Amino acid sequence: MEKRPADSRAGLLPALALLLAMALMNALLYLCLDWVFIAPPHASADPSRCPYGHFRMGQMANCSPWLSCEELRTDVRQLKLVGEGAVKRVFLSEWKERKVALSRLTSLEMEEDFLHGLQMLKSLQSPHVVTLLGFCEDDHTILTEYHPLGSLGNLEETLSLARFQHANTWQHRLRLALGYVGIIDYLHHSPLGTLVMCDSSDLPKTLSQYLLTTNLSIVANDLDALPLVNRSSGMLVKCGHRELHGDFVAPEQLWPFGEDRPFQDDLMPAYDEKVDIWKIPDVSSFLLGHVEGSDMVRFHLFDIHKACKSQSPADRPTARDVLDAYQKVLNSLRDTVMSQTREML
């Protein structure tokens, strides 16, 4: 009987060892799961993107450096004019049997805008922006990826084609609207700071700033007018030096002193990135079109669009707020449709 305390202590040792081993196993399992599900800091960059100064497009296996002046002059064959604006002419061209877009400055008077657009292209390379392939400042040329569907203004014509009719649904159109707002959000949180899409005085002009890709996504293409806002230092912007008119532009972009006082650029108040938010409902309405279900989507977006049209810029949501609202509507409607489908089966 006197030996029982010693026996019981001896019996406790294996049990304690087992508990300790289990605790260590749980700790190791937790760390493993933490490593699997939470990406380490160095893995945050998108491995599919090329490093700065390089590009990859189409079926290219590897990234290539941006093409130099010499390569643009000798390896790129200009085919035909496909677009022209105030700043540049765009030519369908060919590089190593690949279709590319070669932009040339229209006039030396627009050189500043042209070089600004080039700087923006170089600095903002991302899934939201057309791929830069090369440039030559001496020749005033820029080479970018060619998108045969053209500008976003061609959306209705594109979706009427037989090979894209499967995408002419409210789901695909809402995803396009998500893509558009995603670009605005990216510009408002760009590596350079808060940028305003100033080439957007009316709907056709705004749509012409974006390209529609063959997988029916949107990329920003024309970045010649992207001034920087820095609210903390009081740096605001004005989109051009002429008087703007119409309901498409934000109220703060209109001449505030009435028709009796002629427009003077130096008296026109500056504004911030919330002018882009005002225009979102109009662009999204175009993207949603008039297919079955698009009015249902508009109904669910009514509140966020009403907020976008607030007269006071401070009362408008951010692009991130709009993006979140769009995503919630897409998820909600998709879940509703799936639930109704299951009930029918």
Protein backbone atom coordinates (compact mmCIF):
# COMPACT_ATOMS: atom_id res chain seq x y z
CA MET A 1 0.00 0.00 0.00
CA GLU A 2 2.91 2.35 0.70
CA LYS A 3 4.17 2.02 -2.93
CA ARG A 4 0.96 3.29 -4.58
CA PRO A 5 1.92 7.00 -4.64
CA ALA A 6 5.16 6.12 -6.44
CA ASP A 7 3.27 3.87 -8.90
CA SER A 8 0.72 6.58 -9.65
CA ARG A 9 3.47 9.14 -10.32
CA ALA A 10 5.18 6.69 -12.62
CA GLY A 11 1.89 6.19 -14.47
CA LEU A 12 1.45 9.91 -14.92
CA LEU A 13 4.73 10.34 -16.82
CA PRO A 14 3.61 8.51 -20.03
CA ALA A 15 0.29 10.38 -19.97
CA LEU A 16 2.03 13.75 -19.65
CA ALA A 17 4.44 12.80 -22.43
CA LEU A 18 1.49 11.86 -24.67
CA LEU A 19 -0.29 15.14 -23.94
CA LEU A 20 2.90 17.10 -24.68
CA ALA A 21 3.37 15.24 -27.96
CA MET A 22 -0.23 15.95 -28.98
CA ALA A 23 0.21 19.64 -28.13
CA LEU A 24 3.37 19.79 -30.27
CA MET A 25 1.60 18.05 -33.15
CA ASN A 26 -1.29 20.52 -32.96
CA ALA A 27 1.14 23.43 -32.94
CA LEU A 28 2.97 22.05 -35.98
CA LEU A 29 -0.34 21.42 -37.78
CA TYR A 30 -1.45 25.01 -37.06
CA LEU A 31 1.80 26.40 -38.42
CA CYS A 32 1.53 24.26 -41.55
CA LEU A 33 -2.04 25.38 -42.19
CA ASP A 34 -1.01 28.97 -41.54
CA TRP A 35 1.75 28.64 -44.14
CA VAL A 36 -0.58 27.02 -46.69
CA PHE A 37 -3.51 29.42 -46.42
CA ILE A 38 -1.71 32.69 -45.70
CA ALA A 39 0.71 33.62 -48.46
CA PRO A 40 4.14 34.68 -47.22
CA PRO A 41 5.04 38.32 -47.88
CA HIS A 42 7.41 37.54 -50.75
CA ALA A 43 4.65 35.57 -52.54
CA SER A 44 2.24 38.50 -52.72
CA ALA A 45 3.37 39.57 -56.21
CA ASP A 46 1.53 38.01 -59.12
CA PRO A 47 3.96 35.42 -60.57
CA SER A 48 2.24 35.66 -63.96
CA ARG A 49 3.21 39.34 -64.31
CA CYS A 50 6.52 40.33 -65.83
CA PRO A 51 9.02 42.46 -63.89
CA TYR A 52 9.16 46.18 -64.61
CA GLY A 53 10.54 46.93 -68.06
CA HIS A 54 9.40 43.59 -69.50
CA PHE A 55 6.27 42.25 -71.19
CA ARG A 56 4.56 39.05 -72.21
CA MET A 57 1.47 38.68 -74.40
CA GLY A 58 -0.53 35.96 -76.09
CA GLN A 59 1.23 32.60 -76.11
CA MET A 60 4.67 33.96 -75.24
CA ALA A 61 6.33 31.62 -72.75
CA ASN A 62 8.81 34.12 -71.36
CA CYS A 63 8.97 37.82 -70.60
CA SER A 64 10.85 40.07 -73.03
CA PRO A 65 12.37 43.51 -72.38
CA TRP A 66 10.48 46.50 -73.74
CA LEU A 67 11.46 47.03 -77.36
CA SER A 68 14.01 49.75 -78.05
CA CYS A 69 14.02 52.46 -80.72
CA GLU A 70 16.17 50.30 -82.98
CA GLU A 71 13.88 47.29 -82.58
CA LEU A 72 10.78 49.40 -83.25
CA ARG A 73 12.35 50.78 -86.41
CA THR A 74 13.57 47.47 -87.82
CA ASP A 75 11.25 44.76 -86.44
CA VAL A 76 7.81 46.43 -86.47
CA ARG A 77 5.91 46.61 -89.76
CA GLN A 78 3.17 49.24 -89.98
CA LEU A 79 0.02 47.97 -91.73
CA LYS A 80 -2.93 50.37 -91.58
CA LEU A 81 -4.45 53.26 -89.63
CA VAL A 82 -7.09 52.03 -87.15
CA GLY A 83 -7.64 55.05 -84.92
CA GLU A 84 -6.86 58.73 -84.58
CA GLY A 85 -7.26 61.28 -81.79
CA ALA A 86 -5.96 64.69 -80.87
CA VAL A 87 -2.72 63.29 -79.44
CA LYS A 88 -1.84 60.24 -81.52
CA ARG A 89 -2.60 58.06 -84.53
CA VAL A 90 -2.84 54.31 -83.97
CA PHE A 91 -1.71 51.84 -86.62
CA LEU A 92 -2.34 48.11 -86.74
CA SER A 93 1.18 46.74 -87.08
CA GLU A 94 3.08 43.47 -86.97
CA TRP A 95 5.96 42.31 -84.78
CA LYS A 96 7.33 38.77 -85.16
CA GLU A 97 4.06 37.69 -86.86
CA ARG A 98 2.02 39.11 -83.96
CA LYS A 99 -0.50 41.89 -84.38
CA VAL A 100 0.42 44.96 -82.32
CA ALA A 101 -0.71 48.60 -82.03
CA LEU A 102 1.77 51.31 -82.95
CA SER A 103 0.91 54.83 -81.76
CA ARG A 104 2.49 57.91 -83.33
CA LEU A 105 2.32 61.50 -82.13
CA THR A 106 0.01 63.59 -84.33
CA SER A 107 1.62 66.97 -83.73
CA LEU A 108 4.52 68.36 -81.72
CA GLU A 109 2.02 70.66 -80.04
CA MET A 110 0.67 67.57 -78.24
CA GLU A 111 4.09 66.21 -77.26
CA GLU A 112 3.59 66.91 -73.56
CA ASP A 113 0.35 64.91 -73.47
CA PHE A 114 1.94 62.11 -75.50
CA LEU A 115 4.91 61.79 -73.14
CA HIS A 116 2.62 61.97 -70.12
CA GLY A 117 0.60 59.07 -71.52
CA LEU A 118 3.81 57.10 -72.07
CA GLN A 119 4.93 57.73 -68.50
CA MET A 120 1.55 56.57 -67.22
CA LEU A 121 1.76 53.40 -69.32
CA LYS A 122 5.23 52.63 -67.98
CA SER A 123 4.24 53.27 -64.36
CA LEU A 124 0.80 51.64 -64.30
CA GLN A 125 1.43 48.28 -65.96
CA SER A 126 -1.07 45.88 -64.39
CA PRO A 127 -4.04 43.70 -65.41
CA HIS A 128 -6.07 46.95 -65.53
CA VAL A 129 -3.91 48.63 -68.22
CA VAL A 130 -3.04 47.70 -71.80
CA THR A 131 0.32 45.92 -72.08
CA LEU A 132 3.24 48.14 -73.09
CA LEU A 133 5.60 46.42 -75.54
CA GLY A 134 8.08 49.19 -76.27
CA PHE A 135 8.55 52.88 -77.01
CA CYS A 136 10.87 55.37 -78.67
CA GLU A 137 10.77 58.91 -77.36
CA ASP A 138 13.03 60.12 -80.19
CA ASP A 139 10.50 58.96 -82.79
CA HIS A 140 7.43 59.68 -80.62
CA THR A 141 6.18 56.09 -80.95
CA ILE A 142 4.61 53.69 -78.46
CA LEU A 143 3.97 49.99 -79.08
CA THR A 144 1.19 48.22 -77.17
CA GLU A 145 -0.76 44.97 -77.35
CA TYR A 146 -3.40 44.97 -80.08
CA HIS A 147 -7.00 44.20 -79.13
CA PRO A 148 -9.03 43.51 -82.30
CA LEU A 149 -12.42 44.21 -80.68
CA GLY A 150 -11.45 47.85 -80.31
CA SER A 151 -12.83 50.34 -77.84
CA LEU A 152 -15.46 49.70 -75.20
CA GLY A 153 -17.88 51.69 -77.34
CA ASN A 154 -18.08 48.65 -79.65
CA LEU A 155 -19.65 46.50 -76.90
CA GLU A 156 -23.14 46.10 -78.42
CA GLU A 157 -21.73 45.31 -81.84
CA THR A 158 -19.36 42.77 -80.32
CA LEU A 159 -21.98 40.98 -78.23
CA SER A 160 -24.22 40.67 -81.30
CA LEU A 161 -21.58 38.49 -82.98
CA ALA A 162 -22.38 34.77 -82.96
CA ARG A 163 -19.21 33.82 -81.07
CA PHE A 164 -20.01 36.22 -78.23
CA GLN A 165 -23.77 35.84 -77.93
CA HIS A 166 -23.31 33.41 -75.03
CA ALA A 167 -21.88 36.37 -73.08
CA ASN A 168 -24.78 38.71 -73.80
CA THR A 169 -26.31 38.16 -70.35
CA TRP A 170 -26.77 40.34 -67.29
CA GLN A 171 -24.13 38.25 -65.47
CA HIS A 172 -21.40 38.92 -68.02
CA ARG A 173 -22.42 42.55 -68.40
CA LEU A 174 -22.33 43.11 -64.64
CA ARG A 175 -18.84 41.59 -64.57
CA LEU A 176 -17.85 44.13 -67.24
CA ALA A 177 -19.17 46.90 -64.99
CA LEU A 178 -17.15 45.41 -62.14
CA GLY A 179 -14.08 45.52 -64.37
CA TYR A 180 -14.68 49.14 -65.26
CA VAL A 181 -15.11 50.22 -61.62
CA GLY A 182 -12.06 48.11 -60.77
CA ILE A 183 -9.99 50.24 -63.16
CA ILE A 184 -11.27 53.45 -61.55
CA ASP A 185 -10.42 52.03 -58.12
CA TYR A 186 -6.93 51.11 -59.35
CA LEU A 187 -6.34 54.63 -60.69
CA HIS A 188 -7.53 56.13 -57.40
CA HIS A 189 -5.07 53.88 -55.52
CA SER A 190 -2.31 53.73 -58.13
CA PRO A 191 1.42 53.39 -57.35
CA LEU A 192 1.72 57.08 -58.30
CA GLY A 193 -1.11 58.26 -56.06
CA THR A 194 -4.71 59.26 -56.76
CA LEU A 195 -5.19 59.75 -60.51
CA VAL A 196 -8.27 61.24 -62.20
CA MET A 197 -9.51 59.97 -65.59
CA CYS A 198 -9.88 63.39 -67.17
CA ASP A 199 -10.61 62.36 -70.79
CA SER A 200 -14.26 61.73 -69.90
CA SER A 201 -16.36 64.74 -70.79
CA ASP A 202 -19.13 62.61 -72.37
CA LEU A 203 -20.04 58.93 -72.63
CA PRO A 204 -18.54 58.21 -76.10
CA LYS A 205 -15.29 59.93 -75.12
CA THR A 206 -15.14 57.95 -71.88
CA LEU A 207 -15.75 54.61 -73.61
CA SER A 208 -13.00 55.37 -76.12
CA GLN A 209 -10.44 55.38 -73.29
CA TYR A 210 -10.90 51.63 -72.72
CA LEU A 211 -10.37 48.53 -74.84
CA LEU A 212 -12.43 45.35 -74.91
CA THR A 213 -10.26 42.23 -74.87
CA THR A 214 -11.11 38.98 -76.67
CA ASN A 215 -11.92 37.34 -73.32
CA LEU A 216 -14.41 40.18 -72.73
CA SER A 217 -12.58 42.07 -70.04
CA ILE A 218 -11.70 45.77 -70.01
CA VAL A 219 -8.31 47.47 -69.96
CA ALA A 220 -7.52 51.18 -69.81
CA ASN A 221 -5.76 52.29 -72.97
CA ASP A 222 -5.64 56.07 -73.31
CA LEU A 223 -3.77 57.53 -70.34
CA ASP A 224 -2.82 60.91 -71.81
CA ALA A 225 -4.91 62.87 -69.28
CA LEU A 226 -4.40 61.47 -65.77
CA PRO A 227 -3.65 64.34 -63.40
CA LEU A 228 -2.70 63.65 -59.80
CA VAL A 229 -4.75 64.60 -56.75
CA ASN A 230 -3.09 65.04 -53.39
CA ARG A 231 -5.71 66.15 -50.92
CA SER A 232 -3.29 66.38 -47.99
CA SER A 233 -1.21 68.99 -49.81
CA GLY A 234 -4.24 70.70 -51.32
CA MET A 235 -3.37 69.64 -54.87
CA LEU A 236 -6.59 69.32 -56.88
CA VAL A 237 -7.15 69.09 -60.64
CA LYS A 238 -9.01 70.64 -63.54
CA CYS A 239 -9.78 68.53 -66.60
CA GLY A 240 -8.59 70.79 -69.37
CA HIS A 241 -8.80 74.53 -69.80
CA ARG A 242 -12.16 74.79 -71.54
CA GLU A 243 -15.66 75.11 -70.18
CA LEU A 244 -17.45 71.77 -69.77
CA HIS A 245 -21.17 71.27 -70.31
CA GLY A 246 -23.85 68.61 -69.82
CA ASP A 247 -25.18 66.20 -67.23
CA PHE A 248 -22.45 63.62 -67.78
CA VAL A 249 -19.72 65.65 -66.09
CA ALA A 250 -19.91 66.20 -62.35
CA PRO A 251 -21.55 69.41 -61.02
CA GLU A 252 -18.23 70.73 -59.72
CA GLN A 253 -16.83 70.53 -63.27
CA LEU A 254 -19.39 73.06 -64.52
CA TRP A 255 -18.76 76.82 -64.60
CA PRO A 256 -20.23 77.99 -61.29
CA PHE A 257 -20.77 81.69 -62.07
CA GLY A 258 -23.66 81.51 -64.52
CA GLU A 259 -24.08 82.53 -68.15
CA ASP A 260 -23.73 86.24 -67.42
CA ARG A 261 -20.06 85.82 -66.59
CA PRO A 262 -17.81 84.53 -69.41
CA PHE A 263 -15.72 81.43 -68.63
CA GLN A 264 -12.23 82.12 -67.31
CA ASP A 265 -9.97 79.17 -66.66
CA ASP A 266 -8.10 80.86 -63.82
CA LEU A 267 -11.40 81.43 -61.96
CA MET A 268 -12.65 77.87 -62.42
CA PRO A 269 -12.40 75.95 -59.10
CA ALA A 270 -10.41 72.71 -59.05
CA TYR A 271 -11.81 69.36 -57.87
CA ASP A 272 -10.79 65.84 -56.89
CA GLU A 273 -11.26 62.22 -58.00
CA LYS A 274 -14.93 62.16 -56.99
CA VAL A 275 -15.72 63.48 -60.51
CA ASP A 276 -14.98 59.91 -61.70
CA ILE A 277 -17.54 58.52 -59.24
CA TRP A 278 -20.32 60.76 -60.63
CA LYS A 279 -19.88 59.15 -64.06
CA ILE A 280 -19.97 55.51 -62.93
CA PRO A 281 -23.79 55.06 -63.13
CA ASP A 282 -23.89 56.30 -66.74
CA VAL A 283 -21.04 54.04 -67.89
CA SER A 284 -22.44 51.05 -66.00
CA SER A 285 -25.90 51.59 -67.48
CA PHE A 286 -24.34 51.43 -70.94
CA LEU A 287 -22.47 48.24 -70.02
CA LEU A 288 -25.60 46.58 -68.60
CA GLY A 289 -27.51 47.24 -71.83
CA HIS A 290 -31.06 46.04 -72.24
CA VAL A 291 -30.86 42.26 -72.01
CA GLU A 292 -33.11 40.08 -69.86
CA GLY A 293 -32.30 40.75 -66.21
CA SER A 294 -30.46 44.04 -66.72
CA ASP A 295 -33.31 46.07 -65.23
CA MET A 296 -33.26 43.79 -62.21
CA VAL A 297 -29.55 44.57 -61.78
CA ARG A 298 -30.22 48.30 -62.12
CA PHE A 299 -32.86 48.03 -59.38
CA HIS A 300 -30.35 46.42 -57.00
CA LEU A 301 -27.71 49.04 -57.86
CA PHE A 302 -30.13 51.94 -57.39
CA ASP A 303 -28.91 52.97 -53.92
CA ILE A 304 -25.20 52.96 -54.71
CA HIS A 305 -25.82 54.78 -58.00
CA LYS A 306 -27.96 57.37 -56.21
CA ALA A 307 -25.05 57.95 -53.84
CA CYS A 308 -22.68 58.33 -56.80
CA LYS A 309 -24.92 61.15 -58.08
CA SER A 310 -24.78 63.14 -54.83
CA GLN A 311 -24.37 66.83 -55.60
CA SER A 312 -21.68 67.15 -52.94
CA PRO A 313 -18.48 65.25 -53.83
CA ALA A 314 -17.90 64.46 -50.16
CA ASP A 315 -21.20 62.55 -50.05
CA ARG A 316 -20.27 60.25 -52.93
CA PRO A 317 -18.83 56.81 -52.18
CA THR A 318 -15.29 55.84 -53.06
CA ALA A 319 -14.59 53.60 -56.04
CA ARG A 320 -13.82 50.81 -53.55
CA ASP A 321 -17.26 51.26 -51.99
CA VAL A 322 -18.89 50.99 -55.41
CA LEU A 323 -16.81 47.94 -56.27
CA ASP A 324 -17.88 46.22 -53.04
CA ALA A 325 -21.53 47.06 -53.69
CA TYR A 326 -21.35 45.66 -57.23
CA GLN A 327 -19.73 42.45 -55.97
CA LYS A 328 -22.42 41.99 -53.32
CA VAL A 329 -25.16 42.44 -55.91
CA LEU A 330 -23.50 39.93 -58.26
CA ASN A 331 -23.11 37.38 -55.45
CA SER A 332 -26.67 37.90 -54.20
CA LEU A 333 -28.32 37.63 -57.60
CA ARG A 334 -26.18 34.65 -58.56
CA ASP A 335 -27.16 32.84 -55.35
CA THR A 336 -30.83 33.66 -55.99
CA VAL A 337 -30.69 32.31 -59.54
CA MET A 338 -28.93 29.13 -58.39
CA SER A 339 -31.50 28.60 -55.63
CA GLN A 340 -34.39 29.05 -58.08
CA THR A 341 -32.72 26.64 -60.51
CA ARG A 342 -32.39 23.97 -57.81
CA GLU A 343 -36.04 24.37 -56.87
CA MET A 344 -37.07 23.81 -60.49
CA LEU A 345 -35.09 20.55 -60.75
